[in-house]
Structures are given as C-alpha cells and as structure tokens.
Amino acid sequence: MSCSSGGMKPVNSQWLCELAISSNACLLYVSSEGCSQPLEPGPCRQYVIKWYYDPEANACAQFWYGGCQGNANNFETEASCWNSCVYT
C-alpha cells in the first residue's frame, strides 16, 4: 500500500494516509461504531473483564462488564479492541 500526497485521504476502506514532513505514514481508520461510544459497564452484576476503547488515550483498557446491556464499546480481547479502534 502506498500513501498519496495531499494530507489525510482514504487509501482504502480501512486506512487513512497522512503526509508527514519527511515521509508518508498510514494510519488505521476507526471503523467500529462502538469506538466512539462511552464506557458503559451495564447494570447487571455478573462481572467479567472486557476491553473498551478510550479515545482520549487512543488506547484500549480493561473494565468490569456487568454481563448485560452496555453498548458496542465492549470487546472480548485487547487485540480485538486494538484492531477495531486504535490509530497506529
């Protein structure tokens, strides 16, 4: 994959291209709707550890999910959170 000139542009459906001062860098595009939702552990009490995306940190973190309701910012593994949400 190569980045085109002219700043941020879609390269394909999953990548954005950013023209840096000395070189091109491709950034993973946030594709999951859940990535923009706030952390929501849900009201139930059957706690399990899950992962959520924190947009301020551009990172994934663990949280205690109650087992019901919540929202789509809820991932089984750190890898699935990173693959869906984190800009690299």
PDB file of N, CA and C in Angstrom:
ATOM      1  N   MET A   1       0.844  -1.160   0.000  1.00  0.00           N
ATOM      2  CA  MET A   1       0.000   0.000   0.000  1.00  0.00           C
ATOM      3  C   MET A   1       0.894   1.228   0.000  1.00  0.00           C
ATOM      4  N   SER A   2       0.546   2.226  -0.794  1.00  0.00           N
ATOM      5  CA  SER A   2       1.303   3.467  -0.770  1.00  0.00           C
ATOM      6  C   SER A   2       0.362   4.618  -0.489  1.00  0.00           C
ATOM      7  N   CYS A   3       0.865   5.614   0.195  1.00  0.00           N
ATOM      8  CA  CYS A   3       0.062   6.780   0.520  1.00  0.00           C
ATOM      9  C   CYS A   3       0.173   7.796  -0.602  1.00  0.00           C
ATOM     10  N   SER A   4      -0.913   8.499  -0.851  1.00  0.00           N
ATOM     11  CA  SER A   4      -0.894   9.554  -1.860  1.00  0.00           C
ATOM     12  C   SER A   4      -0.570  10.878  -1.185  1.00  0.00           C
ATOM     13  N   SER A   5      -0.188  11.863  -1.972  1.00  0.00           N
ATOM     14  CA  SER A   5       0.128  13.166  -1.400  1.00  0.00           C
ATOM     15  C   SER A   5      -1.153  13.954  -1.165  1.00  0.00           C
ATOM     16  N   GLY A   6      -1.061  15.002  -0.360  1.00  0.00           N
ATOM     17  CA  GLY A   6      -2.210  15.858  -0.156  1.00  0.00           C
ATOM     18  C   GLY A   6      -2.870  15.718   1.205  1.00  0.00           C
ATOM     19  N   GLY A   7      -2.174  15.237   2.204  1.00  0.00           N
ATOM     20  CA  GLY A   7      -2.753  15.150   3.542  1.00  0.00           C
ATOM     21  C   GLY A   7      -3.563  13.901   3.764  1.00  0.00           C
ATOM     22  N   MET A   8      -4.540  13.979   4.680  1.00  0.00           N
ATOM     23  CA  MET A   8      -5.342  12.817   5.043  1.00  0.00           C
ATOM     24  C   MET A   8      -6.278  12.452   3.899  1.00  0.00           C
ATOM     25  N   LYS A   9      -6.144  11.255   3.389  1.00  0.00           N
ATOM     26  CA  LYS A   9      -7.004  10.759   2.319  1.00  0.00           C
ATOM     27  C   LYS A   9      -7.241   9.277   2.538  1.00  0.00           C
ATOM     28  N   PRO A  10      -8.436   8.793   2.200  1.00  0.00           N
ATOM     29  CA  PRO A  10      -8.647   7.347   2.282  1.00  0.00           C
ATOM     30  C   PRO A  10      -7.753   6.619   1.288  1.00  0.00           C
ATOM     31  N   VAL A  11      -7.080   5.579   1.737  1.00  0.00           N
ATOM     32  CA  VAL A  11      -6.295   4.732   0.848  1.00  0.00           C
ATOM     33  C   VAL A  11      -7.157   3.548   0.431  1.00  0.00           C
ATOM     34  N   ASN A  12      -7.891   2.989   1.352  1.00  0.00           N
ATOM     35  CA  ASN A  12      -8.940   2.011   1.084  1.00  0.00           C
ATOM     36  C   ASN A  12      -9.923   2.113   2.235  1.00  0.00           C
ATOM     37  N   SER A  13     -10.793   1.143   2.405  1.00  0.00           N
ATOM     38  CA  SER A  13     -11.833   1.268   3.419  1.00  0.00           C
ATOM     39  C   SER A  13     -11.306   1.199   4.850  1.00  0.00           C
ATOM     40  N   GLN A  14     -10.067   0.767   5.052  1.00  0.00           N
ATOM     41  CA  GLN A  14      -9.570   0.620   6.415  1.00  0.00           C
ATOM     42  C   GLN A  14      -8.416   1.542   6.776  1.00  0.00           C
ATOM     43  N   TRP A  15      -7.862   2.233   5.843  1.00  0.00           N
ATOM     44  CA  TRP A  15      -6.667   3.019   6.136  1.00  0.00           C
ATOM     45  C   TRP A  15      -6.831   4.467   5.710  1.00  0.00           C
ATOM     46  N   LEU A  16      -6.212   5.353   6.442  1.00  0.00           N
ATOM     47  CA  LEU A  16      -6.093   6.754   6.071  1.00  0.00           C
ATOM     48  C   LEU A  16      -4.620   7.036   5.844  1.00  0.00           C
ATOM     49  N   CYS A  17      -4.353   7.975   5.006  1.00  0.00           N
ATOM     50  CA  CYS A  17      -2.968   8.323   4.731  1.00  0.00           C
ATOM     51  C   CYS A  17      -2.695   9.723   5.261  1.00  0.00           C
ATOM     52  N   GLU A  18      -1.592   9.877   5.931  1.00  0.00           N
ATOM     53  CA  GLU A  18      -1.188  11.184   6.422  1.00  0.00           C
ATOM     54  C   GLU A  18       0.199  11.497   5.882  1.00  0.00           C
ATOM     55  N   LEU A  19       0.323  12.611   5.193  1.00  0.00           N
ATOM     56  CA  LEU A  19       1.608  13.017   4.644  1.00  0.00           C
ATOM     57  C   LEU A  19       2.399  13.726   5.744  1.00  0.00           C
ATOM     58  N   ALA A  20       3.461  13.130   6.171  1.00  0.00           N
ATOM     59  CA  ALA A  20       4.311  13.721   7.206  1.00  0.00           C
ATOM     60  C   ALA A  20       5.340  14.631   6.539  1.00  0.00           C
ATOM     61  N   ILE A  21       6.080  15.377   7.327  1.00  0.00           N
ATOM     62  CA  ILE A  21       7.050  16.326   6.783  1.00  0.00           C
ATOM     63  C   ILE A  21       8.087  15.619   5.925  1.00  0.00           C
ATOM     64  N   SER A  22       8.628  14.516   6.417  1.00  0.00           N
ATOM     65  CA  SER A  22       9.695  13.857   5.673  1.00  0.00           C
ATOM     66  C   SER A  22       9.284  12.534   5.045  1.00  0.00           C
ATOM     67  N   SER A  23       8.162  11.966   5.458  1.00  0.00           N
ATOM     68  CA  SER A  23       7.759  10.676   4.900  1.00  0.00           C
ATOM     69  C   SER A  23       6.264  10.471   5.069  1.00  0.00           C
ATOM     70  N   ASN A  24       5.745   9.485   4.379  1.00  0.00           N
ATOM     71  CA  ASN A  24       4.331   9.152   4.488  1.00  0.00           C
ATOM     72  C   ASN A  24       4.106   8.166   5.627  1.00  0.00           C
ATOM     73  N   ALA A  25       2.971   8.268   6.270  1.00  0.00           N
ATOM     74  CA  ALA A  25       2.588   7.317   7.317  1.00  0.00           C
ATOM     75  C   ALA A  25       1.131   6.948   7.100  1.00  0.00           C
ATOM     76  N   CYS A  26       0.819   5.678   7.202  1.00  0.00           N
ATOM     77  CA  CYS A  26      -0.563   5.242   7.069  1.00  0.00           C
ATOM     78  C   CYS A  26      -1.131   4.975   8.450  1.00  0.00           C
ATOM     79  N   LEU A  27      -2.328   5.463   8.686  1.00  0.00           N
ATOM     80  CA  LEU A  27      -2.976   5.312   9.979  1.00  0.00           C
ATOM     81  C   LEU A  27      -4.189   4.417   9.831  1.00  0.00           C
ATOM     82  N   LEU A  28      -4.388   3.544  10.792  1.00  0.00           N
ATOM     83  CA  LEU A  28      -5.555   2.683  10.780  1.00  0.00           C
ATOM     84  C   LEU A  28      -6.790   3.525  11.032  1.00  0.00           C
ATOM     85  N   TYR A  29      -7.793   3.383  10.202  1.00  0.00           N
ATOM     86  CA  TYR A  29      -9.033   4.139  10.290  1.00  0.00           C
ATOM     87  C   TYR A  29      -9.966   3.498  11.308  1.00  0.00           C
ATOM     88  N   VAL A  30     -10.561   4.300  12.197  1.00  0.00           N
ATOM     89  CA  VAL A  30     -11.516   3.789  13.173  1.00  0.00           C
ATOM     90  C   VAL A  30     -12.770   3.346  12.433  1.00  0.00           C
ATOM     91  N   SER A  31     -13.057   2.052  12.492  1.00  0.00           N
ATOM     92  CA  SER A  31     -14.152   1.520  11.697  1.00  0.00           C
ATOM     93  C   SER A  31     -15.331   1.036  12.517  1.00  0.00           C
ATOM     94  N   SER A  32     -15.154   0.785  13.778  1.00  0.00           N
ATOM     95  CA  SER A  32     -16.224   0.238  14.597  1.00  0.00           C
ATOM     96  C   SER A  32     -17.056   1.351  15.215  1.00  0.00           C
ATOM     97  N   GLU A  33     -18.379   1.241  15.125  1.00  0.00           N
ATOM     98  CA  GLU A  33     -19.252   2.238  15.736  1.00  0.00           C
ATOM     99  C   GLU A  33     -19.028   2.314  17.240  1.00  0.00           C
ATOM    100  N   GLY A  34     -18.716   1.189  17.864  1.00  0.00           N
ATOM    101  CA  GLY A  34     -18.512   1.159  19.303  1.00  0.00           C
ATOM    102  C   GLY A  34     -17.363   2.021  19.775  1.00  0.00           C
ATOM    103  N   CYS A  35     -16.419   2.297  18.917  1.00  0.00           N
ATOM    104  CA  CYS A  35     -15.235   3.054  19.313  1.00  0.00           C
ATOM    105  C   CYS A  35     -15.571   4.464  19.782  1.00  0.00           C
ATOM    106  N   SER A  36     -16.638   5.039  19.279  1.00  0.00           N
ATOM    107  CA  SER A  36     -16.998   6.403  19.655  1.00  0.00           C
ATOM    108  C   SER A  36     -17.992   6.452  20.813  1.00  0.00           C
ATOM    109  N   GLN A  37     -18.406   5.306  21.314  1.00  0.00           N
ATOM    110  CA  GLN A  37     -19.368   5.275  22.414  1.00  0.00           C
ATOM    111  C   GLN A  37     -18.645   5.333  23.758  1.00  0.00           C
ATOM    112  N   PRO A  38     -19.302   5.905  24.786  1.00  0.00           N
ATOM    113  CA  PRO A  38     -18.669   5.970  26.109  1.00  0.00           C
ATOM    114  C   PRO A  38     -18.622   4.601  26.773  1.00  0.00           C
ATOM    115  N   LEU A  39     -17.761   4.468  27.752  1.00  0.00           N
ATOM    116  CA  LEU A  39     -17.699   3.240  28.536  1.00  0.00           C
ATOM    117  C   LEU A  39     -19.040   3.035  29.231  1.00  0.00           C
ATOM    118  N   GLU A  40     -19.614   1.838  29.100  1.00  0.00           N
ATOM    119  CA  GLU A  40     -20.901   1.518  29.721  1.00  0.00           C
ATOM    120  C   GLU A  40     -20.859   0.088  30.250  1.00  0.00           C
ATOM    121  N   PRO A  41     -20.595  -0.093  31.551  1.00  0.00           N
ATOM    122  CA  PRO A  41     -20.465  -1.442  32.101  1.00  0.00           C
ATOM    123  C   PRO A  41     -21.776  -2.200  32.239  1.00  0.00           C
ATOM    124  N   GLY A  42     -22.909  -1.513  32.128  1.00  0.00           N
ATOM    125  CA  GLY A  42     -24.203  -2.173  32.271  1.00  0.00           C
ATOM    126  C   GLY A  42     -24.602  -2.333  33.729  1.00  0.00           C
ATOM    127  N   PRO A  43     -25.899  -2.577  33.984  1.00  0.00           N
ATOM    128  CA  PRO A  43     -26.411  -2.612  35.349  1.00  0.00           C
ATOM    129  C   PRO A  43     -26.310  -3.971  36.055  1.00  0.00           C
ATOM    130  N   CYS A  44     -26.053  -5.024  35.327  1.00  0.00           N
ATOM    131  CA  CYS A  44     -26.045  -6.361  35.936  1.00  0.00           C
ATOM    132  C   CYS A  44     -24.770  -6.591  36.748  1.00  0.00           C
ATOM    133  N   ARG A  45     -24.736  -7.695  37.502  1.00  0.00           N
ATOM    134  CA  ARG A  45     -23.621  -7.938  38.420  1.00  0.00           C
ATOM    135  C   ARG A  45     -22.937  -9.279  38.199  1.00  0.00           C
ATOM    136  N   GLN A  46     -22.958  -9.769  36.984  1.00  0.00           N
ATOM    137  CA  GLN A  46     -22.226 -10.997  36.661  1.00  0.00           C
ATOM    138  C   GLN A  46     -20.926 -10.580  35.982  1.00  0.00           C
ATOM    139  N   TYR A  47     -20.036 -10.024  36.768  1.00  0.00           N
ATOM    140  CA  TYR A  47     -18.871  -9.320  36.259  1.00  0.00           C
ATOM    141  C   TYR A  47     -17.876 -10.215  35.529  1.00  0.00           C
ATOM    142  N   VAL A  48     -17.445  -9.715  34.384  1.00  0.00           N
ATOM    143  CA  VAL A  48     -16.366 -10.325  33.613  1.00  0.00           C
ATOM    144  C   VAL A  48     -15.475  -9.186  33.116  1.00  0.00           C
ATOM    145  N   ILE A  49     -14.209  -9.485  32.925  1.00  0.00           N
ATOM    146  CA  ILE A  49     -13.291  -8.473  32.400  1.00  0.00           C
ATOM    147  C   ILE A  49     -13.459  -8.385  30.893  1.00  0.00           C
ATOM    148  N   LYS A  50     -13.658  -7.173  30.399  1.00  0.00           N
ATOM    149  CA  LYS A  50     -13.742  -6.883  28.968  1.00  0.00           C
ATOM    150  C   LYS A  50     -12.787  -5.728  28.670  1.00  0.00           C
ATOM    151  N   TRP A  51     -12.755  -5.344  27.404  1.00  0.00           N
ATOM    152  CA  TRP A  51     -11.901  -4.253  26.945  1.00  0.00           C
ATOM    153  C   TRP A  51     -12.757  -3.182  26.291  1.00  0.00           C
ATOM    154  N   TYR A  52     -12.379  -1.917  26.469  1.00  0.00           N
ATOM    155  CA  TYR A  52     -13.062  -0.803  25.806  1.00  0.00           C
ATOM    156  C   TYR A  52     -12.014   0.142  25.231  1.00  0.00           C
ATOM    157  N   TYR A  53     -12.459   0.961  24.263  1.00  0.00           N
ATOM    158  CA  TYR A  53     -11.568   1.934  23.644  1.00  0.00           C
ATOM    159  C   TYR A  53     -11.735   3.284  24.325  1.00  0.00           C
ATOM    160  N   ASP A  54     -10.624   3.881  24.745  1.00  0.00           N
ATOM    161  CA  ASP A  54     -10.594   5.211  25.345  1.00  0.00           C
ATOM    162  C   ASP A  54     -10.038   6.178  24.301  1.00  0.00           C
ATOM    163  N   PRO A  55     -10.906   7.004  23.675  1.00  0.00           N
ATOM    164  CA  PRO A  55     -10.436   7.880  22.594  1.00  0.00           C
ATOM    165  C   PRO A  55      -9.448   8.953  23.057  1.00  0.00           C
ATOM    166  N   GLU A  56      -9.530   9.394  24.303  1.00  0.00           N
ATOM    167  CA  GLU A  56      -8.588  10.409  24.790  1.00  0.00           C
ATOM    168  C   GLU A  56      -7.173   9.859  24.872  1.00  0.00           C
ATOM    169  N   ALA A  57      -7.049   8.594  25.216  1.00  0.00           N
ATOM    170  CA  ALA A  57      -5.730   7.957  25.309  1.00  0.00           C
ATOM    171  C   ALA A  57      -5.342   7.259  24.010  1.00  0.00           C
ATOM    172  N   ASN A  58      -6.300   7.133  23.059  1.00  0.00           N
ATOM    173  CA  ASN A  58      -6.112   6.343  21.843  1.00  0.00           C
ATOM    174  C   ASN A  58      -5.540   4.973  22.206  1.00  0.00           C
ATOM    175  N   ALA A  59      -6.192   4.349  23.184  1.00  0.00           N
ATOM    176  CA  ALA A  59      -5.736   3.049  23.673  1.00  0.00           C
ATOM    177  C   ALA A  59      -6.925   2.252  24.195  1.00  0.00           C
ATOM    178  N   CYS A  60      -6.703   0.971  24.373  1.00  0.00           N
ATOM    179  CA  CYS A  60      -7.721   0.091  24.930  1.00  0.00           C
ATOM    180  C   CYS A  60      -7.386  -0.187  26.388  1.00  0.00           C
ATOM    181  N   ALA A  61      -8.421  -0.332  27.205  1.00  0.00           N
ATOM    182  CA  ALA A  61      -8.232  -0.596  28.629  1.00  0.00           C
ATOM    183  C   ALA A  61      -9.264  -1.608  29.108  1.00  0.00           C
ATOM    184  N   GLN A  62      -8.939  -2.281  30.187  1.00  0.00           N
ATOM    185  CA  GLN A  62      -9.860  -3.259  30.762  1.00  0.00           C
ATOM    186  C   GLN A  62     -10.928  -2.564  31.597  1.00  0.00           C
ATOM    187  N   PHE A  63     -12.093  -3.216  31.695  1.00  0.00           N
ATOM    188  CA  PHE A  63     -13.132  -2.764  32.608  1.00  0.00           C
ATOM    189  C   PHE A  63     -13.962  -3.965  33.030  1.00  0.00           C
ATOM    190  N   TRP A  64     -14.712  -3.804  34.112  1.00  0.00           N
ATOM    191  CA  TRP A  64     -15.604  -4.857  34.590  1.00  0.00           C
ATOM    192  C   TRP A  64     -16.959  -4.677  33.929  1.00  0.00           C
ATOM    193  N   TYR A  65     -17.325  -5.602  33.047  1.00  0.00           N
ATOM    194  CA  TYR A  65     -18.629  -5.589  32.380  1.00  0.00           C
ATOM    195  C   TYR A  65     -19.600  -6.388  33.236  1.00  0.00           C
ATOM    196  N   GLY A  66     -20.787  -5.843  33.476  1.00  0.00           N
ATOM    197  CA  GLY A  66     -21.768  -6.484  34.336  1.00  0.00           C
ATOM    198  C   GLY A  66     -22.480  -7.675  33.736  1.00  0.00           C
ATOM    199  N   GLY A  67     -22.369  -7.874  32.425  1.00  0.00           N
ATOM    200  CA  GLY A  67     -22.963  -9.046  31.793  1.00  0.00           C
ATOM    201  C   GLY A  67     -24.235  -8.788  31.017  1.00  0.00           C
ATOM    202  N   CYS A  68     -24.787  -7.573  31.086  1.00  0.00           N
ATOM    203  CA  CYS A  68     -25.982  -7.261  30.292  1.00  0.00           C
ATOM    204  C   CYS A  68     -25.979  -5.784  29.909  1.00  0.00           C
ATOM    205  N   GLN A  69     -26.771  -5.494  28.883  1.00  0.00           N
ATOM    206  CA  GLN A  69     -26.910  -4.143  28.337  1.00  0.00           C
ATOM    207  C   GLN A  69     -25.545  -3.592  27.953  1.00  0.00           C
ATOM    208  N   GLY A  70     -25.160  -2.424  28.415  1.00  0.00           N
ATOM    209  CA  GLY A  70     -23.908  -1.839  27.958  1.00  0.00           C
ATOM    210  C   GLY A  70     -24.063  -1.295  26.542  1.00  0.00           C
ATOM    211  N   ASN A  71     -22.970  -1.241  25.790  1.00  0.00           N
ATOM    212  CA  ASN A  71     -23.022  -0.788  24.402  1.00  0.00           C
ATOM    213  C   ASN A  71     -21.948  -1.509  23.591  1.00  0.00           C
ATOM    214  N   ALA A  72     -21.721  -1.043  22.369  1.00  0.00           N
ATOM    215  CA  ALA A  72     -20.804  -1.734  21.460  1.00  0.00           C
ATOM    216  C   ALA A  72     -19.328  -1.459  21.753  1.00  0.00           C
ATOM    217  N   ASN A  73     -19.025  -0.538  22.656  1.00  0.00           N
ATOM    218  CA  ASN A  73     -17.633  -0.306  23.056  1.00  0.00           C
ATOM    219  C   ASN A  73     -17.288  -1.329  24.135  1.00  0.00           C
ATOM    220  N   ASN A  74     -17.244  -2.589  23.713  1.00  0.00           N
ATOM    221  CA  ASN A  74     -17.117  -3.731  24.608  1.00  0.00           C
ATOM    222  C   ASN A  74     -16.491  -4.862  23.796  1.00  0.00           C
ATOM    223  N   PHE A  75     -15.252  -5.188  24.085  1.00  0.00           N
ATOM    224  CA  PHE A  75     -14.514  -6.164  23.293  1.00  0.00           C
ATOM    225  C   PHE A  75     -14.045  -7.320  24.168  1.00  0.00           C
ATOM    226  N   GLU A  76     -14.051  -8.512  23.612  1.00  0.00           N
ATOM    227  CA  GLU A  76     -13.632  -9.718  24.335  1.00  0.00           C
ATOM    228  C   GLU A  76     -12.141  -9.717  24.654  1.00  0.00           C
ATOM    229  N   THR A  77     -11.336  -9.199  23.734  1.00  0.00           N
ATOM    230  CA  THR A  77      -9.887  -9.226  23.905  1.00  0.00           C
ATOM    231  C   THR A  77      -9.283  -7.853  23.620  1.00  0.00           C
ATOM    232  N   GLU A  78      -8.099  -7.634  24.150  1.00  0.00           N
ATOM    233  CA  GLU A  78      -7.373  -6.399  23.857  1.00  0.00           C
ATOM    234  C   GLU A  78      -7.094  -6.295  22.362  1.00  0.00           C
ATOM    235  N   ALA A  79      -6.736  -7.416  21.741  1.00  0.00           N
ATOM    236  CA  ALA A  79      -6.425  -7.412  20.307  1.00  0.00           C
ATOM    237  C   ALA A  79      -7.631  -7.002  19.473  1.00  0.00           C
ATOM    238  N   SER A  80      -8.820  -7.484  19.809  1.00  0.00           N
ATOM    239  CA  SER A  80      -9.996  -7.114  19.015  1.00  0.00           C
ATOM    240  C   SER A  80     -10.318  -5.635  19.187  1.00  0.00           C
ATOM    241  N   CYS A  81     -10.081  -5.083  20.363  1.00  0.00           N
ATOM    242  CA  CYS A  81     -10.263  -3.650  20.578  1.00  0.00           C
ATOM    243  C   CYS A  81      -9.266  -2.855  19.737  1.00  0.00           C
ATOM    244  N   TRP A  82      -7.999  -3.222  19.809  1.00  0.00           N
ATOM    245  CA  TRP A  82      -6.968  -2.530  19.029  1.00  0.00           C
ATOM    246  C   TRP A  82      -7.258  -2.618  17.538  1.00  0.00           C
ATOM    247  N   ASN A  83      -7.631  -3.791  17.058  1.00  0.00           N
ATOM    248  CA  ASN A  83      -7.890  -3.968  15.629  1.00  0.00           C
ATOM    249  C   ASN A  83      -9.084  -3.156  15.158  1.00  0.00           C
ATOM    250  N   SER A  84     -10.028  -2.888  16.032  1.00  0.00           N
ATOM    251  CA  SER A  84     -11.225  -2.147  15.659  1.00  0.00           C
ATOM    252  C   SER A  84     -11.079  -0.645  15.816  1.00  0.00           C
ATOM    253  N   CYS A  85     -10.283  -0.196  16.774  1.00  0.00           N
ATOM    254  CA  CYS A  85     -10.370   1.208  17.177  1.00  0.00           C
ATOM    255  C   CYS A  85      -9.091   2.030  17.184  1.00  0.00           C
ATOM    256  N   VAL A  86      -7.951   1.469  17.473  1.00  0.00           N
ATOM    257  CA  VAL A  86      -6.761   2.270  17.769  1.00  0.00           C
ATOM    258  C   VAL A  86      -6.065   2.735  16.501  1.00  0.00           C
ATOM    259  N   TYR A  87      -5.785   4.055  16.449  1.00  0.00           N
ATOM    260  CA  TYR A  87      -4.963   4.603  15.372  1.00  0.00           C
ATOM    261  C   TYR A  87      -3.522   4.219  15.648  1.00  0.00           C
ATOM    262  N   THR A  88      -2.817   3.736  14.616  1.00  0.00           N
ATOM    263  CA  THR A  88      -1.415   3.368  14.801  1.00  0.00           C
ATOM    264  C   THR A  88      -0.523   4.252  13.964  1.00  0.00           C
TER     265      THR A  88
END
